[in-house]
Amino acid sequence: NQFTLQLSSVTPEDTAVYYCARTIVSGILPVGHDYWGQGTQVTVS
């Protein structure tokens, strides 16, 4: 019951707090999120 993000060729501009969330979709477009993780800091350096 896990899903994973891989982001390749990272630069310092990819430094961010990263969140996972459950998403509401209309058609194929995300329109909102109702449950969120707490977030995790990722630093590219």
PDB file of all heavy atoms in Angstrom:
ATOM      1  N   ASN A   1       0.829  -1.203   0.000  1.00  0.00           N
ATOM      2  CA  ASN A   1       0.000   0.000   0.000  1.00  0.00           C
ATOM      3  C   ASN A   1       0.868   1.259   0.000  1.00  0.00           C
ATOM      4  O   ASN A   1       0.650   2.205   0.760  1.00  0.00           O
ATOM      5  CB  ASN A   1      -0.971   0.011   1.191  1.00  0.00           C
ATOM      6  CG  ASN A   1      -2.298   0.666   0.849  1.00  0.00           C
ATOM      7  OD1 ASN A   1      -2.809   0.515  -0.262  1.00  0.00           O
ATOM      8  ND2 ASN A   1      -2.871   1.386   1.809  1.00  0.00           N
ATOM      9  N   GLN A   2       1.854   1.264  -0.896  1.00  0.00           N
ATOM     10  CA  GLN A   2       2.803   2.359  -1.007  1.00  0.00           C
ATOM     11  C   GLN A   2       2.885   2.840  -2.437  1.00  0.00           C
ATOM     12  O   GLN A   2       2.713   2.057  -3.378  1.00  0.00           O
ATOM     13  CB  GLN A   2       4.200   1.921  -0.569  1.00  0.00           C
ATOM     14  CG  GLN A   2       4.323   1.548   0.894  1.00  0.00           C
ATOM     15  CD  GLN A   2       5.708   1.053   1.237  1.00  0.00           C
ATOM     16  OE1 GLN A   2       6.401   0.470   0.398  1.00  0.00           O
ATOM     17  NE2 GLN A   2       6.132   1.279   2.470  1.00  0.00           N
ATOM     18  N   PHE A   3       3.176   4.121  -2.595  1.00  0.00           N
ATOM     19  CA  PHE A   3       3.551   4.631  -3.902  1.00  0.00           C
ATOM     20  C   PHE A   3       4.798   5.495  -3.765  1.00  0.00           C
ATOM     21  O   PHE A   3       5.090   6.036  -2.705  1.00  0.00           O
ATOM     22  CB  PHE A   3       2.397   5.357  -4.610  1.00  0.00           C
ATOM     23  CG  PHE A   3       1.877   6.596  -3.931  1.00  0.00           C
ATOM     24  CD1 PHE A   3       2.238   7.852  -4.394  1.00  0.00           C
ATOM     25  CD2 PHE A   3       0.998   6.513  -2.862  1.00  0.00           C
ATOM     26  CE1 PHE A   3       1.730   9.001  -3.799  1.00  0.00           C
ATOM     27  CE2 PHE A   3       0.489   7.653  -2.259  1.00  0.00           C
ATOM     28  CZ  PHE A   3       0.858   8.897  -2.734  1.00  0.00           C
ATOM     29  N   THR A   4       5.540   5.602  -4.870  1.00  0.00           N
ATOM     30  CA  THR A   4       6.899   6.110  -4.834  1.00  0.00           C
ATOM     31  C   THR A   4       7.093   7.194  -5.892  1.00  0.00           C
ATOM     32  O   THR A   4       6.540   7.103  -6.992  1.00  0.00           O
ATOM     33  CB  THR A   4       7.901   4.973  -5.077  1.00  0.00           C
ATOM     34  OG1 THR A   4       7.756   3.989  -4.053  1.00  0.00           O
ATOM     35  CG2 THR A   4       9.329   5.484  -5.064  1.00  0.00           C
ATOM     36  N   LEU A   5       7.877   8.207  -5.543  1.00  0.00           N
ATOM     37  CA  LEU A   5       8.306   9.233  -6.485  1.00  0.00           C
ATOM     38  C   LEU A   5       9.785   9.061  -6.780  1.00  0.00           C
ATOM     39  O   LEU A   5      10.590   8.916  -5.857  1.00  0.00           O
ATOM     40  CB  LEU A   5       8.070  10.629  -5.904  1.00  0.00           C
ATOM     41  CG  LEU A   5       8.671  11.791  -6.707  1.00  0.00           C
ATOM     42  CD1 LEU A   5       7.948  11.955  -8.039  1.00  0.00           C
ATOM     43  CD2 LEU A   5       8.627  13.080  -5.897  1.00  0.00           C
ATOM     44  N   GLN A   6      10.134   9.097  -8.057  1.00  0.00           N
ATOM     45  CA  GLN A   6      11.515   9.213  -8.483  1.00  0.00           C
ATOM     46  C   GLN A   6      11.621  10.442  -9.366  1.00  0.00           C
ATOM     47  O   GLN A   6      10.896  10.567 -10.350  1.00  0.00           O
ATOM     48  CB  GLN A   6      11.981   7.966  -9.232  1.00  0.00           C
ATOM     49  CG  GLN A   6      12.046   6.727  -8.350  1.00  0.00           C
ATOM     50  CD  GLN A   6      12.757   5.580  -9.022  1.00  0.00           C
ATOM     51  OE1 GLN A   6      12.359   5.145 -10.102  1.00  0.00           O
ATOM     52  NE2 GLN A   6      13.819   5.098  -8.390  1.00  0.00           N
ATOM     53  N   LEU A   7      12.515  11.343  -9.001  1.00  0.00           N
ATOM     54  CA  LEU A   7      12.754  12.563  -9.755  1.00  0.00           C
ATOM     55  C   LEU A   7      14.220  12.566 -10.138  1.00  0.00           C
ATOM     56  O   LEU A   7      15.092  12.661  -9.272  1.00  0.00           O
ATOM     57  CB  LEU A   7      12.405  13.793  -8.916  1.00  0.00           C
ATOM     58  CG  LEU A   7      12.477  15.146  -9.632  1.00  0.00           C
ATOM     59  CD1 LEU A   7      11.401  15.236 -10.712  1.00  0.00           C
ATOM     60  CD2 LEU A   7      12.325  16.284  -8.623  1.00  0.00           C
ATOM     61  N   SER A   8      14.487  12.454 -11.415  1.00  0.00           N
ATOM     62  CA  SER A   8      15.851  12.282 -11.897  1.00  0.00           C
ATOM     63  C   SER A   8      16.525  13.616 -12.169  1.00  0.00           C
ATOM     64  O   SER A   8      15.883  14.663 -12.258  1.00  0.00           O
ATOM     65  CB  SER A   8      15.856  11.417 -13.162  1.00  0.00           C
ATOM     66  OG  SER A   8      15.200  12.075 -14.226  1.00  0.00           O
ATOM     67  N   SER A   9      17.847  13.564 -12.315  1.00  0.00           N
ATOM     68  CA  SER A   9      18.660  14.713 -12.720  1.00  0.00           C
ATOM     69  C   SER A   9      18.366  15.950 -11.885  1.00  0.00           C
ATOM     70  O   SER A   9      18.153  17.042 -12.408  1.00  0.00           O
ATOM     71  CB  SER A   9      18.442  15.004 -14.209  1.00  0.00           C
ATOM     72  OG  SER A   9      18.741  13.876 -15.006  1.00  0.00           O
ATOM     73  N   VAL A  10      18.382  15.801 -10.588  1.00  0.00           N
ATOM     74  CA  VAL A  10      17.972  16.896  -9.717  1.00  0.00           C
ATOM     75  C   VAL A  10      19.026  17.997  -9.671  1.00  0.00           C
ATOM     76  O   VAL A  10      20.226  17.762  -9.882  1.00  0.00           O
ATOM     77  CB  VAL A  10      17.649  16.410  -8.300  1.00  0.00           C
ATOM     78  CG1 VAL A  10      16.487  15.422  -8.333  1.00  0.00           C
ATOM     79  CG2 VAL A  10      18.871  15.804  -7.628  1.00  0.00           C
ATOM     80  N   THR A  11      18.559  19.200  -9.410  1.00  0.00           N
ATOM     81  CA  THR A  11      19.384  20.379  -9.201  1.00  0.00           C
ATOM     82  C   THR A  11      18.972  21.024  -7.887  1.00  0.00           C
ATOM     83  O   THR A  11      17.958  20.648  -7.291  1.00  0.00           O
ATOM     84  CB  THR A  11      19.216  21.387 -10.346  1.00  0.00           C
ATOM     85  OG1 THR A  11      17.953  22.057 -10.212  1.00  0.00           O
ATOM     86  CG2 THR A  11      19.285  20.707 -11.707  1.00  0.00           C
ATOM     87  N   PRO A  12      19.725  22.028  -7.404  1.00  0.00           N
ATOM     88  CA  PRO A  12      19.301  22.710  -6.182  1.00  0.00           C
ATOM     89  C   PRO A  12      17.905  23.309  -6.252  1.00  0.00           C
ATOM     90  O   PRO A  12      17.278  23.502  -5.204  1.00  0.00           O
ATOM     91  CB  PRO A  12      20.378  23.788  -6.003  1.00  0.00           C
ATOM     92  CG  PRO A  12      21.595  23.171  -6.593  1.00  0.00           C
ATOM     93  CD  PRO A  12      21.095  22.410  -7.794  1.00  0.00           C
ATOM     94  N   GLU A  13      17.395  23.589  -7.450  1.00  0.00           N
ATOM     95  CA  GLU A  13      16.037  24.112  -7.568  1.00  0.00           C
ATOM     96  C   GLU A  13      14.975  23.083  -7.220  1.00  0.00           C
ATOM     97  O   GLU A  13      13.807  23.440  -7.059  1.00  0.00           O
ATOM     98  CB  GLU A  13      15.798  24.659  -8.976  1.00  0.00           C
ATOM     99  CG  GLU A  13      16.599  25.918  -9.285  1.00  0.00           C
ATOM    100  CD  GLU A  13      16.172  26.607 -10.562  1.00  0.00           C
ATOM    101  OE1 GLU A  13      15.195  26.158 -11.202  1.00  0.00           O
ATOM    102  OE2 GLU A  13      16.808  27.615 -10.919  1.00  0.00           O
ATOM    103  N   ASP A  14      15.354  21.824  -7.097  1.00  0.00           N
ATOM    104  CA  ASP A  14      14.425  20.783  -6.653  1.00  0.00           C
ATOM    105  C   ASP A  14      14.340  20.688  -5.136  1.00  0.00           C
ATOM    106  O   ASP A  14      13.553  19.884  -4.622  1.00  0.00           O
ATOM    107  CB  ASP A  14      14.827  19.432  -7.241  1.00  0.00           C
ATOM    108  CG  ASP A  14      14.687  19.390  -8.746  1.00  0.00           C
ATOM    109  OD1 ASP A  14      13.605  19.758  -9.252  1.00  0.00           O
ATOM    110  OD2 ASP A  14      15.665  18.984  -9.427  1.00  0.00           O
ATOM    111  N   THR A  15      15.132  21.467  -4.417  1.00  0.00           N
ATOM    112  CA  THR A  15      15.028  21.507  -2.963  1.00  0.00           C
ATOM    113  C   THR A  15      13.635  21.976  -2.565  1.00  0.00           C
ATOM    114  O   THR A  15      13.163  23.015  -3.030  1.00  0.00           O
ATOM    115  CB  THR A  15      16.094  22.435  -2.375  1.00  0.00           C
ATOM    116  OG1 THR A  15      17.390  21.884  -2.615  1.00  0.00           O
ATOM    117  CG2 THR A  15      15.893  22.616  -0.881  1.00  0.00           C
ATOM    118  N   ALA A  16      12.971  21.212  -1.699  1.00  0.00           N
ATOM    119  CA  ALA A  16      11.594  21.529  -1.333  1.00  0.00           C
ATOM    120  C   ALA A  16      11.148  20.610  -0.210  1.00  0.00           C
ATOM    121  O   ALA A  16      11.796  19.609   0.106  1.00  0.00           O
ATOM    122  CB  ALA A  16      10.656  21.363  -2.531  1.00  0.00           C
ATOM    123  N   VAL A  17      10.008  20.957   0.381  1.00  0.00           N
ATOM    124  CA  VAL A  17       9.261  20.010   1.190  1.00  0.00           C
ATOM    125  C   VAL A  17       8.365  19.222   0.245  1.00  0.00           C
ATOM    126  O   VAL A  17       7.617  19.808  -0.551  1.00  0.00           O
ATOM    127  CB  VAL A  17       8.425  20.706   2.271  1.00  0.00           C
ATOM    128  CG1 VAL A  17       7.592  19.684   3.042  1.00  0.00           C
ATOM    129  CG2 VAL A  17       9.334  21.473   3.224  1.00  0.00           C
ATOM    130  N   TYR A  18       8.448  17.915   0.304  1.00  0.00           N
ATOM    131  CA  TYR A  18       7.681  17.035  -0.573  1.00  0.00           C
ATOM    132  C   TYR A  18       6.553  16.384   0.213  1.00  0.00           C
ATOM    133  O   TYR A  18       6.768  15.853   1.309  1.00  0.00           O
ATOM    134  CB  TYR A  18       8.589  15.966  -1.186  1.00  0.00           C
ATOM    135  CG  TYR A  18       9.461  16.490  -2.296  1.00  0.00           C
ATOM    136  CD1 TYR A  18      10.581  17.273  -2.026  1.00  0.00           C
ATOM    137  CD2 TYR A  18       9.156  16.222  -3.632  1.00  0.00           C
ATOM    138  CE1 TYR A  18      11.369  17.777  -3.047  1.00  0.00           C
ATOM    139  CE2 TYR A  18       9.944  16.719  -4.658  1.00  0.00           C
ATOM    140  CZ  TYR A  18      11.047  17.495  -4.363  1.00  0.00           C
ATOM    141  OH  TYR A  18      11.831  17.990  -5.390  1.00  0.00           O
ATOM    142  N   TYR A  19       5.358  16.437  -0.359  1.00  0.00           N
ATOM    143  CA  TYR A  19       4.164  15.872   0.244  1.00  0.00           C
ATOM    144  C   TYR A  19       3.565  14.793  -0.646  1.00  0.00           C
ATOM    145  O   TYR A  19       3.606  14.906  -1.876  1.00  0.00           O
ATOM    146  CB  TYR A  19       3.077  16.939   0.426  1.00  0.00           C
ATOM    147  CG  TYR A  19       3.441  18.107   1.304  1.00  0.00           C
ATOM    148  CD1 TYR A  19       4.014  19.253   0.769  1.00  0.00           C
ATOM    149  CD2 TYR A  19       3.179  18.075   2.673  1.00  0.00           C
ATOM    150  CE1 TYR A  19       4.327  20.339   1.569  1.00  0.00           C
ATOM    151  CE2 TYR A  19       3.485  19.154   3.478  1.00  0.00           C
ATOM    152  CZ  TYR A  19       4.062  20.288   2.921  1.00  0.00           C
ATOM    153  OH  TYR A  19       4.367  21.363   3.719  1.00  0.00           O
ATOM    154  N   CYS A  20       2.974  13.787  -0.040  1.00  0.00           N
ATOM    155  CA  CYS A  20       2.065  12.918  -0.755  1.00  0.00           C
ATOM    156  C   CYS A  20       0.648  13.195  -0.287  1.00  0.00           C
ATOM    157  O   CYS A  20       0.427  13.698   0.825  1.00  0.00           O
ATOM    158  CB  CYS A  20       2.426  11.434  -0.606  1.00  0.00           C
ATOM    159  SG  CYS A  20       2.552  10.790   1.067  1.00  0.00           S
ATOM    160  N   ALA A  21      -0.334  12.916  -1.143  1.00  0.00           N
ATOM    161  CA  ALA A  21      -1.713  13.262  -0.852  1.00  0.00           C
ATOM    162  C   ALA A  21      -2.665  12.386  -1.643  1.00  0.00           C
ATOM    163  O   ALA A  21      -2.317  11.876  -2.709  1.00  0.00           O
ATOM    164  CB  ALA A  21      -1.979  14.729  -1.186  1.00  0.00           C
ATOM    165  N   ARG A  22      -3.879  12.229  -1.121  1.00  0.00           N
ATOM    166  CA  ARG A  22      -4.957  11.625  -1.882  1.00  0.00           C
ATOM    167  C   ARG A  22      -5.638  12.724  -2.679  1.00  0.00           C
ATOM    168  O   ARG A  22      -5.905  13.811  -2.147  1.00  0.00           O
ATOM    169  CB  ARG A  22      -5.959  10.917  -0.970  1.00  0.00           C
ATOM    170  CG  ARG A  22      -6.918  10.014  -1.740  1.00  0.00           C
ATOM    171  CD  ARG A  22      -7.811   9.208  -0.825  1.00  0.00           C
ATOM    172  NE  ARG A  22      -8.887  10.020  -0.263  1.00  0.00           N
ATOM    173  CZ  ARG A  22      -9.885   9.534   0.465  1.00  0.00           C
ATOM    174  NH1 ARG A  22      -9.931   8.223   0.745  1.00  0.00           N
ATOM    175  NH2 ARG A  22     -10.807  10.345   0.945  1.00  0.00           N
ATOM    176  N   THR A  23      -5.939  12.448  -3.946  1.00  0.00           N
ATOM    177  CA  THR A  23      -6.293  13.477  -4.892  1.00  0.00           C
ATOM    178  C   THR A  23      -7.673  13.252  -5.483  1.00  0.00           C
ATOM    179  O   THR A  23      -8.061  12.117  -5.773  1.00  0.00           O
ATOM    180  CB  THR A  23      -5.252  13.520  -6.030  1.00  0.00           C
ATOM    181  OG1 THR A  23      -3.975  13.831  -5.458  1.00  0.00           O
ATOM    182  CG2 THR A  23      -5.602  14.570  -7.075  1.00  0.00           C
ATOM    183  N   ILE A  24      -8.400  14.354  -5.647  1.00  0.00           N
ATOM    184  CA  ILE A  24      -9.665  14.345  -6.374  1.00  0.00           C
ATOM    185  C   ILE A  24      -9.371  14.729  -7.817  1.00  0.00           C
ATOM    186  O   ILE A  24      -8.710  15.739  -8.075  1.00  0.00           O
ATOM    187  CB  ILE A  24     -10.676  15.327  -5.743  1.00  0.00           C
ATOM    188  CG1 ILE A  24     -10.982  14.942  -4.295  1.00  0.00           C
ATOM    189  CG2 ILE A  24     -11.962  15.347  -6.565  1.00  0.00           C
ATOM    190  CD1 ILE A  24     -10.107  15.635  -3.285  1.00  0.00           C
ATOM    191  N   VAL A  25      -9.862  13.934  -8.749  1.00  0.00           N
ATOM    192  CA  VAL A  25      -9.576  14.119 -10.165  1.00  0.00           C
ATOM    193  C   VAL A  25     -10.875  14.357 -10.919  1.00  0.00           C
ATOM    194  O   VAL A  25     -11.872  13.666 -10.693  1.00  0.00           O
ATOM    195  CB  VAL A  25      -8.821  12.906 -10.739  1.00  0.00           C
ATOM    196  CG1 VAL A  25      -8.736  12.987 -12.263  1.00  0.00           C
ATOM    197  CG2 VAL A  25      -7.423  12.829 -10.141  1.00  0.00           C
ATOM    198  N   SER A  26     -10.848  15.323 -11.812  1.00  0.00           N
ATOM    199  CA  SER A  26     -11.942  15.584 -12.735  1.00  0.00           C
ATOM    200  C   SER A  26     -11.434  15.312 -14.142  1.00  0.00           C
ATOM    201  O   SER A  26     -10.552  16.021 -14.636  1.00  0.00           O
ATOM    202  CB  SER A  26     -12.429  17.029 -12.601  1.00  0.00           C
ATOM    203  OG  SER A  26     -13.471  17.293 -13.520  1.00  0.00           O
ATOM    204  N   GLY A  27     -11.988  14.285 -14.774  1.00  0.00           N
ATOM    205  CA  GLY A  27     -11.425  13.839 -16.035  1.00  0.00           C
ATOM    206  C   GLY A  27     -10.061  13.233 -15.777  1.00  0.00           C
ATOM    207  O   GLY A  27      -9.941  12.191 -15.129  1.00  0.00           O
ATOM    208  N   ILE A  28      -9.004  13.893 -16.257  1.00  0.00           N
ATOM    209  CA  ILE A  28      -7.643  13.493 -15.929  1.00  0.00           C
ATOM    210  C   ILE A  28      -6.919  14.541 -15.101  1.00  0.00           C
ATOM    211  O   ILE A  28      -5.764  14.321 -14.718  1.00  0.00           O
ATOM    212  CB  ILE A  28      -6.817  13.186 -17.199  1.00  0.00           C
ATOM    213  CG1 ILE A  28      -6.699  14.425 -18.090  1.00  0.00           C
ATOM    214  CG2 ILE A  28      -7.421  12.021 -17.968  1.00  0.00           C
ATOM    215  CD1 ILE A  28      -5.686  14.262 -19.213  1.00  0.00           C
ATOM    216  N   LEU A  29      -7.581  15.644 -14.782  1.00  0.00           N
ATOM    217  CA  LEU A  29      -6.916  16.754 -14.118  1.00  0.00           C
ATOM    218  C   LEU A  29      -7.116  16.703 -12.616  1.00  0.00           C
ATOM    219  O   LEU A  29      -8.233  16.487 -12.136  1.00  0.00           O
ATOM    220  CB  LEU A  29      -7.430  18.086 -14.652  1.00  0.00           C
ATOM    221  CG  LEU A  29      -7.200  18.352 -16.133  1.00  0.00           C
ATOM    222  CD1 LEU A  29      -7.809  19.690 -16.524  1.00  0.00           C
ATOM    223  CD2 LEU A  29      -5.714  18.322 -16.464  1.00  0.00           C
ATOM    224  N   PRO A  30      -6.050  16.936 -11.828  1.00  0.00           N
ATOM    225  CA  PRO A  30      -6.218  17.043 -10.382  1.00  0.00           C
ATOM    226  C   PRO A  30      -6.890  18.356 -10.026  1.00  0.00           C
ATOM    227  O   PRO A  30      -6.517  19.420 -10.537  1.00  0.00           O
ATOM    228  CB  PRO A  30      -4.770  17.000  -9.866  1.00  0.00           C
ATOM    229  CG  PRO A  30      -3.969  17.590 -10.980  1.00  0.00           C
ATOM    230  CD  PRO A  30      -4.656  17.165 -12.258  1.00  0.00           C
ATOM    231  N   VAL A  31      -7.882  18.284  -9.160  1.00  0.00           N
ATOM    232  CA  VAL A  31      -8.605  19.490  -8.769  1.00  0.00           C
ATOM    233  C   VAL A  31      -8.521  19.775  -7.279  1.00  0.00           C
ATOM    234  O   VAL A  31      -8.929  20.852  -6.841  1.00  0.00           O
ATOM    235  CB  VAL A  31     -10.081  19.435  -9.220  1.00  0.00           C
ATOM    236  CG1 VAL A  31     -10.169  19.375 -10.739  1.00  0.00           C
ATOM    237  CG2 VAL A  31     -10.803  18.247  -8.601  1.00  0.00           C
ATOM    238  N   GLY A  32      -7.990  18.852  -6.498  1.00  0.00           N
ATOM    239  CA  GLY A  32      -7.839  19.072  -5.079  1.00  0.00           C
ATOM    240  C   GLY A  32      -7.320  17.839  -4.389  1.00  0.00           C
ATOM    241  O   GLY A  32      -7.191  16.772  -5.000  1.00  0.00           O
ATOM    242  N   HIS A  33      -7.017  17.995  -3.099  1.00  0.00           N
ATOM    243  CA  HIS A  33      -6.485  16.902  -2.293  1.00  0.00           C
ATOM    244  C   HIS A  33      -7.168  16.932  -0.934  1.00  0.00           C
ATOM    245  O   HIS A  33      -7.281  17.999  -0.326  1.00  0.00           O
ATOM    246  CB  HIS A  33      -4.967  17.052  -2.132  1.00  0.00           C
ATOM    247  CG  HIS A  33      -4.267  17.408  -3.410  1.00  0.00           C
ATOM    248  ND1 HIS A  33      -3.970  16.474  -4.372  1.00  0.00           N
ATOM    249  CD2 HIS A  33      -3.838  18.604  -3.880  1.00  0.00           C
ATOM    250  CE1 HIS A  33      -3.365  17.075  -5.392  1.00  0.00           C
ATOM    251  NE2 HIS A  33      -3.283  18.368  -5.120  1.00  0.00           N
ATOM    252  N   ASP A  34      -7.603  15.778  -0.469  1.00  0.00           N
ATOM    253  CA  ASP A  34      -8.341  15.751   0.790  1.00  0.00           C
ATOM    254  C   ASP A  34      -7.557  15.198   1.972  1.00  0.00           C
ATOM    255  O   ASP A  34      -7.890  15.512   3.122  1.00  0.00           O
ATOM    256  CB  ASP A  34      -9.680  15.035   0.632  1.00  0.00           C
ATOM    257  CG  ASP A  34      -9.568  13.616   0.089  1.00  0.00           C
ATOM    258  OD1 ASP A  34      -8.453  13.131  -0.156  1.00  0.00           O
ATOM    259  OD2 ASP A  34     -10.634  12.986  -0.088  1.00  0.00           O
ATOM    260  N   TYR A  35      -6.560  14.397   1.736  1.00  0.00           N
ATOM    261  CA  TYR A  35      -5.687  13.911   2.795  1.00  0.00           C
ATOM    262  C   TYR A  35      -4.247  14.123   2.378  1.00  0.00           C
ATOM    263  O   TYR A  35      -3.881  13.851   1.231  1.00  0.00           O
ATOM    264  CB  TYR A  35      -5.932  12.431   3.105  1.00  0.00           C
ATOM    265  CG  TYR A  35      -7.262  12.154   3.752  1.00  0.00           C
ATOM    266  CD1 TYR A  35      -8.366  11.811   2.994  1.00  0.00           C
ATOM    267  CD2 TYR A  35      -7.404  12.246   5.133  1.00  0.00           C
ATOM    268  CE1 TYR A  35      -9.591  11.564   3.586  1.00  0.00           C
ATOM    269  CE2 TYR A  35      -8.627  12.004   5.739  1.00  0.00           C
ATOM    270  CZ  TYR A  35      -9.716  11.657   4.954  1.00  0.00           C
ATOM    271  OH  TYR A  35     -10.925  11.413   5.557  1.00  0.00           O
ATOM    272  N   TRP A  36      -3.432  14.582   3.327  1.00  0.00           N
ATOM    273  CA  TRP A  36      -2.031  14.908   3.088  1.00  0.00           C
ATOM    274  C   TRP A  36      -1.139  14.216   4.095  1.00  0.00           C
ATOM    275  O   TRP A  36      -1.512  14.024   5.254  1.00  0.00           O
ATOM    276  CB  TRP A  36      -1.781  16.408   3.220  1.00  0.00           C
ATOM    277  CG  TRP A  36      -2.456  17.289   2.220  1.00  0.00           C
ATOM    278  CD1 TRP A  36      -3.793  17.540   2.104  1.00  0.00           C
ATOM    279  CD2 TRP A  36      -1.800  18.074   1.212  1.00  0.00           C
ATOM    280  NE1 TRP A  36      -4.012  18.439   1.078  1.00  0.00           N
ATOM    281  CE2 TRP A  36      -2.811  18.776   0.524  1.00  0.00           C
ATOM    282  CE3 TRP A  36      -0.473  18.251   0.835  1.00  0.00           C
ATOM    283  CZ2 TRP A  36      -2.522  19.646  -0.532  1.00  0.00           C
ATOM    284  CZ3 TRP A  36      -0.193  19.112  -0.213  1.00  0.00           C
ATOM    285  CH2 TRP A  36      -1.208  19.797  -0.884  1.00  0.00           C
ATOM    286  N   GLY A  37       0.079  13.879   3.668  1.00  0.00           N
ATOM    287  CA  GLY A  37       1.112  13.543   4.616  1.00  0.00           C
ATOM    288  C   GLY A  37       1.660  14.797   5.274  1.00  0.00           C
ATOM    289  O   GLY A  37       1.316  15.927   4.912  1.00  0.00           O
ATOM    290  N   GLN A  38       2.525  14.614   6.243  1.00  0.00           N
ATOM    291  CA  GLN A  38       3.077  15.757   6.963  1.00  0.00           C
ATOM    292  C   GLN A  38       4.161  16.483   6.178  1.00  0.00           C
ATOM    293  O   GLN A  38       4.520  17.608   6.525  1.00  0.00           O
ATOM    294  CB  GLN A  38       3.640  15.312   8.307  1.00  0.00           C
ATOM    295  CG  GLN A  38       4.837  14.376   8.195  1.00  0.00           C
ATOM    296  CD  GLN A  38       5.321  13.884   9.548  1.00  0.00           C
ATOM    297  OE1 GLN A  38       4.872  14.341  10.598  1.00  0.00           O
ATOM    298  NE2 GLN A  38       6.247  12.937   9.533  1.00  0.00           N
ATOM    299  N   GLY A  39       4.688  15.873   5.147  1.00  0.00           N
ATOM    300  CA  GLY A  39       5.740  16.453   4.338  1.00  0.00           C
ATOM    301  C   GLY A  39       7.116  16.047   4.826  1.00  0.00           C
ATOM    302  O   GLY A  39       7.330  15.789   6.008  1.00  0.00           O
ATOM    303  N   THR A  40       8.055  16.004   3.903  1.00  0.00           N
ATOM    304  CA  THR A  40       9.437  15.701   4.239  1.00  0.00           C
ATOM    305  C   THR A  40      10.365  16.633   3.470  1.00  0.00           C
ATOM    306  O   THR A  40      10.180  16.871   2.281  1.00  0.00           O
ATOM    307  CB  THR A  40       9.768  14.220   3.955  1.00  0.00           C
ATOM    308  OG1 THR A  40      11.077  13.912   4.441  1.00  0.00           O
ATOM    309  CG2 THR A  40       9.701  13.895   2.467  1.00  0.00           C
ATOM    310  N   GLN A  41      11.332  17.192   4.167  1.00  0.00           N
ATOM    311  CA  GLN A  41      12.294  18.102   3.559  1.00  0.00           C
ATOM    312  C   GLN A  41      13.313  17.323   2.751  1.00  0.00           C
ATOM    313  O   GLN A  41      13.905  16.362   3.255  1.00  0.00           O
ATOM    314  CB  GLN A  41      12.999  18.916   4.647  1.00  0.00           C
ATOM    315  CG  GLN A  41      14.153  19.773   4.134  1.00  0.00           C
ATOM    316  CD  GLN A  41      13.693  20.945   3.315  1.00  0.00           C
ATOM    317  OE1 GLN A  41      12.732  21.623   3.688  1.00  0.00           O
ATOM    318  NE2 GLN A  41      14.367  21.197   2.189  1.00  0.00           N
ATOM    319  N   VAL A  42      13.526  17.735   1.508  1.00  0.00           N
ATOM    320  CA  VAL A  42      14.576  17.179   0.672  1.00  0.00           C
ATOM    321  C   VAL A  42      15.454  18.327   0.187  1.00  0.00           C
ATOM    322  O   VAL A  42      14.963  19.278  -0.411  1.00  0.00           O
ATOM    323  CB  VAL A  42      14.024  16.394  -0.529  1.00  0.00           C
ATOM    324  CG1 VAL A  42      15.179  15.864  -1.379  1.00  0.00           C
ATOM    325  CG2 VAL A  42      13.144  15.246  -0.060  1.00  0.00           C
ATOM    326  N   THR A  43      16.737  18.216   0.436  1.00  0.00           N
ATOM    327  CA  THR A  43      17.705  19.220   0.017  1.00  0.00           C
ATOM    328  C   THR A  43      18.609  18.627  -1.051  1.00  0.00           C
ATOM    329  O   THR A  43      19.143  17.527  -0.870  1.00  0.00           O
ATOM    330  CB  THR A  43      18.540  19.698   1.204  1.00  0.00           C
ATOM    331  OG1 THR A  43      17.679  20.287   2.179  1.00  0.00           O
ATOM    332  CG2 THR A  43      19.577  20.723   0.757  1.00  0.00           C
ATOM    333  N   VAL A  44      18.772  19.354  -2.148  1.00  0.00           N
ATOM    334  CA  VAL A  44      19.692  18.959  -3.212  1.00  0.00           C
ATOM    335  C   VAL A  44      20.922  19.840  -3.084  1.00  0.00           C
ATOM    336  O   VAL A  44      20.852  21.061  -3.272  1.00  0.00           O
ATOM    337  CB  VAL A  44      19.062  19.094  -4.595  1.00  0.00           C
ATOM    338  CG1 VAL A  44      20.070  18.689  -5.672  1.00  0.00           C
ATOM    339  CG2 VAL A  44      17.802  18.238  -4.693  1.00  0.00           C
ATOM    340  N   SER A  45      22.042  19.236  -2.755  1.00  0.00           N
ATOM    341  CA  SER A  45      23.265  19.991  -2.521  1.00  0.00           C
ATOM    342  C   SER A  45      24.464  19.078  -2.654  1.00  0.00           C
ATOM    343  O   SER A  45      24.411  17.893  -2.324  1.00  0.00           O
ATOM    344  CB  SER A  45      23.256  20.609  -1.120  1.00  0.00           C
ATOM    345  OG  SER A  45      24.484  21.270  -0.848  1.00  0.00           O
TER     346      SER A  45
END
